Amino acid sequence: MKELVVISGKGGTGKTSITAAFASLAQNSLLCDSDVDAADLHLLLCPQVREQHDFIGGSKAEIDQQRCTGCGICVERCQFSAISKDFVVDPLECEGCGVCRAFCPDDAITFTPRTCGAWFISDTRFGPMVHARLGIGEENSGKLVSVIRKAARELAEDRGYRLTVTDGPPGIGCPVIAAITGATAVLIVVEPTLSGLHDMERVADLAAHFRIPAMVCINKYDLNRDMTAVIEAQSSRRDLLSVGRIPFDSSFTRAMVEAQTIHEYSPGSDLSKIVESIWHNIMTAECMNKPERHVLPTIR
């Protein structure tokens, strides 16, 4: 089973619209939205939820007032000022590090697992999709990404799907690492700006660190043709396969408003054909046709 993860150095580059367009072109594939902090692939694909599972992603300190002797050690040790002088924990400030429990001489502090969000297996008009929703202000998004990717792989293997198309989170942080580890290849969506070039360099370095082949697609390339040429030249120097350019076109926005992909909104258009060509370039790339060699890490 192959997995293509669509990522970008920052949000707003158009990767979700491109991922949705790929979903309408892919055959025998499963979809996964691993951008759990700001999931929006469901806005275009309108999934029908078939399974819902709670995500237990951490714990917060709780002080047993019956056992607490008021020694104040927890207040002194807490680096986040999450414990008040009357020994009440502020759940918004508590990071769940466990230092207070480790130093409490009265064993008065406990950590209760908390439900931080939910993940889903749904049906869409383009096939099944695994996606998630992280609670407001909750952390451990990297762990949730690992959970849904593991679920997507198991579902794909169980149903015989040969490809998973994943909408990844932006940036280079923990959620991105969790989203690309073990993937067959990544597609980096870049905008033709100086900051876009810098963002591409950072995420390309991340992919290279984990030895994951990377491809580059330049979105809205005609807004700055000179910078597009610079990005393509740098991609070539780094041995990043450039799979195509997408011009700026408000049809993408209008399609999004209608909860459609560009192929549904504007079938047969020049823009639709460009995206089809990019998809063909991706699927025929050497990195997508090598034997699978990555294994997802064990979730602990």
Protein backbone atom coordinates (compact mmCIF):
# COMPACT_ATOMS: atom_id res chain seq x y z
CA MET A 1 0.00 0.00 0.00
CA LYS A 2 1.35 3.41 -1.05
CA GLU A 3 0.77 6.70 0.75
CA LEU A 4 1.11 10.19 -0.70
CA VAL A 5 1.09 13.01 1.87
CA VAL A 6 0.39 16.55 0.65
CA ILE A 7 2.16 19.11 2.84
CA SER A 8 3.30 22.73 2.81
CA GLY A 9 5.60 24.98 4.78
CA LYS A 10 2.66 27.08 5.99
CA GLY A 11 -1.11 27.12 5.89
CA GLY A 12 -3.10 28.63 3.05
CA THR A 13 -1.05 27.35 0.10
CA GLY A 14 -4.02 25.44 -1.34
CA LYS A 15 -2.96 21.93 -0.39
CA THR A 16 -6.43 20.88 0.78
CA SER A 17 -8.08 21.94 -2.49
CA ILE A 18 -5.35 20.10 -4.38
CA THR A 19 -5.74 17.02 -2.17
CA ALA A 20 -9.48 17.00 -2.79
CA ALA A 21 -8.86 17.29 -6.53
CA PHE A 22 -6.50 14.32 -6.33
CA ALA A 23 -9.15 12.38 -4.41
CA SER A 24 -11.52 12.72 -7.36
CA LEU A 25 -8.83 11.38 -9.71
CA ALA A 26 -7.42 8.55 -7.60
CA GLN A 27 -8.60 5.00 -8.11
CA ASN A 28 -8.83 2.29 -5.48
CA SER A 29 -7.73 4.76 -2.82
CA LEU A 30 -8.50 5.85 0.71
CA LEU A 31 -8.41 9.41 2.05
CA CYS A 32 -6.94 10.69 5.29
CA ASP A 33 -7.00 14.21 6.76
CA SER A 34 -4.10 14.41 9.19
CA ASP A 35 -4.32 18.18 9.71
CA VAL A 36 -6.13 17.56 13.00
CA ASP A 37 -5.48 21.04 14.44
CA ALA A 38 -7.42 22.69 11.60
CA ALA A 39 -9.09 19.91 9.62
CA ASP A 40 -11.00 21.15 6.57
CA LEU A 41 -10.93 18.39 3.96
CA HIS A 42 -14.39 17.42 5.21
CA LEU A 43 -15.70 20.81 4.04
CA LEU A 44 -15.11 19.75 0.43
CA LEU A 45 -15.89 16.04 0.70
CA CYS A 46 -18.93 16.17 3.03
CA PRO A 47 -18.23 12.81 4.74
CA GLN A 48 -20.92 10.62 6.26
CA VAL A 49 -19.58 9.39 9.60
CA ARG A 50 -19.77 5.59 10.05
CA GLU A 51 -17.55 5.18 13.12
CA GLN A 52 -16.56 7.59 15.89
CA HIS A 53 -13.85 6.97 18.47
CA ASP A 54 -12.71 9.05 21.44
CA PHE A 55 -9.11 10.23 21.50
CA ILE A 56 -7.45 9.97 24.91
CA GLY A 57 -4.51 12.26 24.52
CA GLY A 58 -3.20 13.24 27.92
CA SER A 59 -4.00 13.97 31.53
CA LYS A 60 -4.12 16.88 33.97
CA ALA A 61 -3.16 17.00 37.61
CA GLU A 62 -5.83 16.74 40.30
CA ILE A 63 -5.13 17.32 43.99
CA ASP A 64 -6.99 15.27 46.60
CA GLN A 65 -7.82 17.85 49.24
CA GLN A 66 -8.42 15.12 51.79
CA ARG A 67 -4.85 13.86 51.54
CA CYS A 68 -3.10 17.17 50.86
CA THR A 69 -1.27 18.56 53.94
CA GLY A 70 -0.53 21.93 52.34
CA CYS A 71 3.25 21.56 52.30
CA GLY A 72 3.50 23.75 49.19
CA ILE A 73 6.09 21.64 47.37
CA CYS A 74 3.84 21.27 44.30
CA VAL A 75 3.38 25.04 44.07
CA GLU A 76 7.14 25.58 44.21
CA ARG A 77 7.94 22.87 41.70
CA CYS A 78 5.31 23.70 39.08
CA GLN A 79 7.05 25.60 36.28
CA PHE A 80 3.75 26.63 34.70
CA SER A 81 2.16 28.29 37.75
CA ALA A 82 -0.78 25.94 37.34
CA ILE A 83 -1.34 25.35 41.09
CA SER A 84 -2.83 28.09 43.25
CA LYS A 85 -1.82 28.87 46.81
CA ASP A 86 -4.90 27.03 48.05
CA PHE A 87 -3.74 23.96 46.08
CA VAL A 88 -6.24 23.97 43.22
CA VAL A 89 -5.01 23.05 39.73
CA ASP A 90 -5.89 25.29 36.79
CA PRO A 91 -6.53 22.79 33.96
CA LEU A 92 -5.79 25.43 31.32
CA GLU A 93 -2.31 26.03 32.70
CA CYS A 94 -1.41 22.45 33.63
CA GLU A 95 0.89 20.80 31.06
CA GLY A 96 0.53 17.32 32.54
CA CYS A 97 4.29 16.99 33.09
CA GLY A 98 3.91 15.05 36.36
CA VAL A 99 6.54 16.93 38.38
CA CYS A 100 4.05 17.80 41.12
CA ARG A 101 3.07 14.16 41.57
CA ALA A 102 6.69 13.01 41.61
CA PHE A 103 7.59 15.37 44.48
CA CYS A 104 4.35 15.19 46.49
CA PRO A 105 5.26 13.58 49.87
CA ASP A 106 1.62 12.75 50.62
CA ASP A 107 0.77 11.05 47.32
CA ALA A 108 -2.14 13.47 47.01
CA ILE A 109 -1.88 14.20 43.29
CA THR A 110 -3.32 12.01 40.56
CA PHE A 111 -3.48 12.23 36.77
CA THR A 112 -6.73 11.19 35.12
CA PRO A 113 -6.72 10.40 31.38
CA ARG A 114 -8.76 12.94 29.43
CA THR A 115 -10.71 12.82 26.20
CA CYS A 116 -9.04 15.42 23.98
CA GLY A 117 -10.93 14.87 20.75
CA ALA A 118 -12.39 12.27 18.44
CA TRP A 119 -11.48 10.48 15.23
CA PHE A 120 -13.79 9.13 12.55
CA ILE A 121 -14.11 6.66 9.72
CA SER A 122 -16.46 8.11 7.12
CA ASP A 123 -17.75 7.57 3.60
CA THR A 124 -17.30 10.20 0.90
CA ARG A 125 -18.27 10.30 -2.76
CA PHE A 126 -14.63 9.42 -3.54
CA GLY A 127 -14.24 6.58 -1.07
CA PRO A 128 -13.65 6.12 2.66
CA MET A 129 -11.92 8.81 4.70
CA VAL A 130 -10.25 8.73 8.11
CA HIS A 131 -10.22 12.09 9.86
CA ALA A 132 -10.26 13.65 13.32
CA ARG A 133 -11.23 16.61 15.43
CA LEU A 134 -8.96 17.83 18.22
CA GLY A 135 -10.63 19.63 21.13
CA ILE A 136 -10.27 23.40 21.43
CA GLY A 137 -6.94 24.27 23.05
CA GLU A 138 -5.93 20.62 23.37
CA GLU A 139 -2.45 19.33 22.67
CA ASN A 140 -1.01 15.97 21.58
CA SER A 141 -2.01 16.59 17.96
CA GLY A 142 1.03 14.58 16.86
CA LYS A 143 -0.24 11.55 18.74
CA LEU A 144 -3.70 11.96 17.20
CA VAL A 145 -2.13 12.13 13.73
CA SER A 146 -0.34 8.84 14.44
CA VAL A 147 -3.60 7.29 15.61
CA ILE A 148 -5.56 8.15 12.46
CA ARG A 149 -2.71 7.23 10.10
CA LYS A 150 -2.47 3.83 11.77
CA ALA A 151 -6.25 3.45 11.45
CA ALA A 152 -6.10 4.50 7.78
CA ARG A 153 -3.37 1.97 7.01
CA GLU A 154 -5.26 -0.83 8.74
CA LEU A 155 -8.48 0.09 6.92
CA ALA A 156 -6.70 0.24 3.57
CA GLU A 157 -5.09 -3.16 4.11
CA ASP A 158 -8.37 -4.67 5.31
CA ARG A 159 -10.32 -3.40 2.27
CA GLY A 160 -7.57 -3.88 -0.28
CA TYR A 161 -6.91 -0.25 -1.18
CA ARG A 162 -3.61 0.31 -2.95
CA LEU A 163 -3.20 4.02 -2.22
CA THR A 164 -3.84 6.46 0.62
CA VAL A 165 -3.98 10.18 -0.19
CA THR A 166 -3.32 12.20 2.95
CA ASP A 167 -3.90 15.91 3.52
CA GLY A 168 -1.04 16.76 5.87
CA PRO A 169 -0.63 19.60 8.36
CA PRO A 170 1.47 22.67 7.49
CA GLY A 171 4.88 23.50 8.92
CA ILE A 172 7.63 21.26 10.29
CA GLY A 173 6.43 20.51 13.83
CA CYS A 174 5.42 17.34 15.62
CA PRO A 175 2.13 16.85 13.70
CA VAL A 176 4.00 17.02 10.37
CA ILE A 177 6.60 14.52 11.55
CA ALA A 178 3.79 12.19 12.61
CA ALA A 179 2.04 12.69 9.25
CA ILE A 180 4.98 11.91 6.96
CA THR A 181 6.84 9.18 8.87
CA GLY A 182 6.55 5.97 6.88
CA ALA A 183 4.95 7.64 3.82
CA THR A 184 5.88 6.57 0.32
CA ALA A 185 6.38 10.18 -0.80
CA VAL A 186 5.35 13.74 0.00
CA LEU A 187 4.12 16.50 -2.27
CA ILE A 188 5.18 19.98 -1.15
CA VAL A 189 2.76 22.70 -2.29
CA VAL A 190 4.63 26.00 -2.66
CA GLU A 191 3.61 29.57 -3.39
CA PRO A 192 5.97 31.69 -5.55
CA THR A 193 7.24 34.05 -2.86
CA LEU A 194 10.51 34.42 -0.98
CA SER A 195 8.86 33.12 2.18
CA GLY A 196 7.38 30.27 0.12
CA LEU A 197 10.88 29.29 -1.00
CA HIS A 198 12.09 29.39 2.60
CA ASP A 199 9.13 27.28 3.74
CA MET A 200 9.81 24.75 0.99
CA GLU A 201 13.45 24.48 2.08
CA ARG A 202 12.48 23.76 5.66
CA VAL A 203 9.90 21.09 4.88
CA ALA A 204 12.20 19.55 2.25
CA ASP A 205 14.91 19.30 4.90
CA LEU A 206 12.43 17.53 7.17
CA ALA A 207 11.50 15.03 4.48
CA ALA A 208 15.17 14.44 3.68
CA HIS A 209 15.92 13.81 7.35
CA PHE A 210 13.42 10.95 7.35
CA ARG A 211 14.56 9.82 3.89
CA ILE A 212 11.15 10.37 2.34
CA PRO A 213 11.12 11.30 -1.38
CA ALA A 214 9.67 14.75 -1.99
CA MET A 215 8.01 16.34 -5.00
CA VAL A 216 7.13 19.99 -5.55
CA CYS A 217 4.04 21.66 -7.01
CA ILE A 218 3.94 25.45 -7.38
CA ASN A 219 0.47 26.90 -6.83
CA LYS A 220 -0.47 30.34 -8.23
CA TYR A 221 2.81 30.27 -10.13
CA ASP A 222 1.87 33.15 -12.45
CA LEU A 223 1.66 35.67 -9.59
CA ASN A 224 5.48 35.79 -9.57
CA ARG A 225 7.06 34.03 -12.52
CA ASP A 226 10.60 35.04 -11.53
CA MET A 227 10.25 33.44 -8.12
CA THR A 228 8.66 30.39 -9.73
CA ALA A 229 11.83 29.98 -11.79
CA VAL A 230 13.96 30.34 -8.64
CA ILE A 231 11.93 27.70 -6.80
CA GLU A 232 12.15 25.27 -9.70
CA ALA A 233 15.90 25.83 -9.98
CA GLN A 234 16.35 25.21 -6.26
CA SER A 235 14.16 22.12 -6.45
CA SER A 236 16.37 20.78 -9.23
CA ARG A 237 19.52 21.42 -7.19
CA ARG A 238 18.01 19.49 -4.29
CA ASP A 239 16.83 16.62 -6.53
CA LEU A 240 13.18 17.43 -5.76
CA LEU A 241 10.93 16.38 -8.62
CA SER A 242 8.89 19.31 -9.91
CA VAL A 243 5.55 17.84 -10.97
CA GLY A 244 3.90 20.96 -12.31
CA ARG A 245 2.56 24.48 -11.94
CA ILE A 246 -0.98 25.62 -11.17
CA PRO A 247 -2.00 29.15 -12.24
CA PHE A 248 -3.97 31.50 -10.04
CA ASP A 249 -7.65 30.96 -10.77
CA SER A 250 -10.65 32.02 -8.68
CA SER A 251 -12.43 28.84 -9.82
CA PHE A 252 -10.69 27.06 -6.96
CA THR A 253 -12.36 29.42 -4.50
CA ARG A 254 -15.76 29.17 -6.16
CA ALA A 255 -15.49 25.38 -6.16
CA MET A 256 -14.65 25.45 -2.46
CA VAL A 257 -17.72 27.57 -1.73
CA GLU A 258 -19.83 24.97 -3.55
CA ALA A 259 -18.13 22.12 -1.59
CA GLN A 260 -16.79 20.70 -4.85
CA THR A 261 -13.44 19.78 -6.30
CA ILE A 262 -12.16 21.68 -9.32
CA HIS A 263 -12.99 18.68 -11.50
CA GLU A 264 -16.61 18.72 -10.34
CA TYR A 265 -16.98 22.49 -10.56
CA SER A 266 -15.21 22.97 -13.87
CA PRO A 267 -14.93 19.61 -15.67
CA GLY A 268 -12.84 19.62 -18.81
CA SER A 269 -11.46 23.11 -18.17
CA ASP A 270 -7.80 24.01 -18.72
CA LEU A 271 -7.34 24.19 -14.95
CA SER A 272 -8.84 20.75 -14.48
CA LYS A 273 -6.53 19.35 -17.15
CA ILE A 274 -3.49 20.92 -15.47
CA VAL A 275 -4.32 19.23 -12.17
CA GLU A 276 -4.89 15.94 -14.00
CA SER A 277 -1.44 16.30 -15.58
CA ILE A 278 0.14 16.92 -12.18
CA TRP A 279 -1.60 13.85 -10.77
CA HIS A 280 -0.31 11.78 -13.68
CA ASN A 281 3.23 13.07 -13.05
CA ILE A 282 2.98 12.09 -9.39
CA MET A 283 1.63 8.62 -10.00
CA THR A 284 4.25 7.85 -12.65
CA ALA A 285 7.14 9.22 -10.58
CA GLU A 286 9.84 6.73 -9.71
CA CYS A 287 9.45 7.33 -5.96
CA MET A 288 5.78 6.27 -6.11
CA ASN A 289 6.58 3.02 -7.87
CA LYS A 290 9.37 1.63 -5.72
CA PRO A 291 8.76 -1.28 -3.31
CA GLU A 292 7.45 -0.14 0.05
CA ARG A 293 10.24 0.19 2.57
CA HIS A 294 8.89 2.35 5.40
CA VAL A 295 7.08 1.10 8.48
CA LEU A 296 4.89 3.22 10.73
CA PRO A 297 6.26 3.61 14.26
CA THR A 298 4.53 1.92 17.17
CA ILE A 299 2.16 4.23 19.05
CA ARG A 300 2.84 4.31 22.78
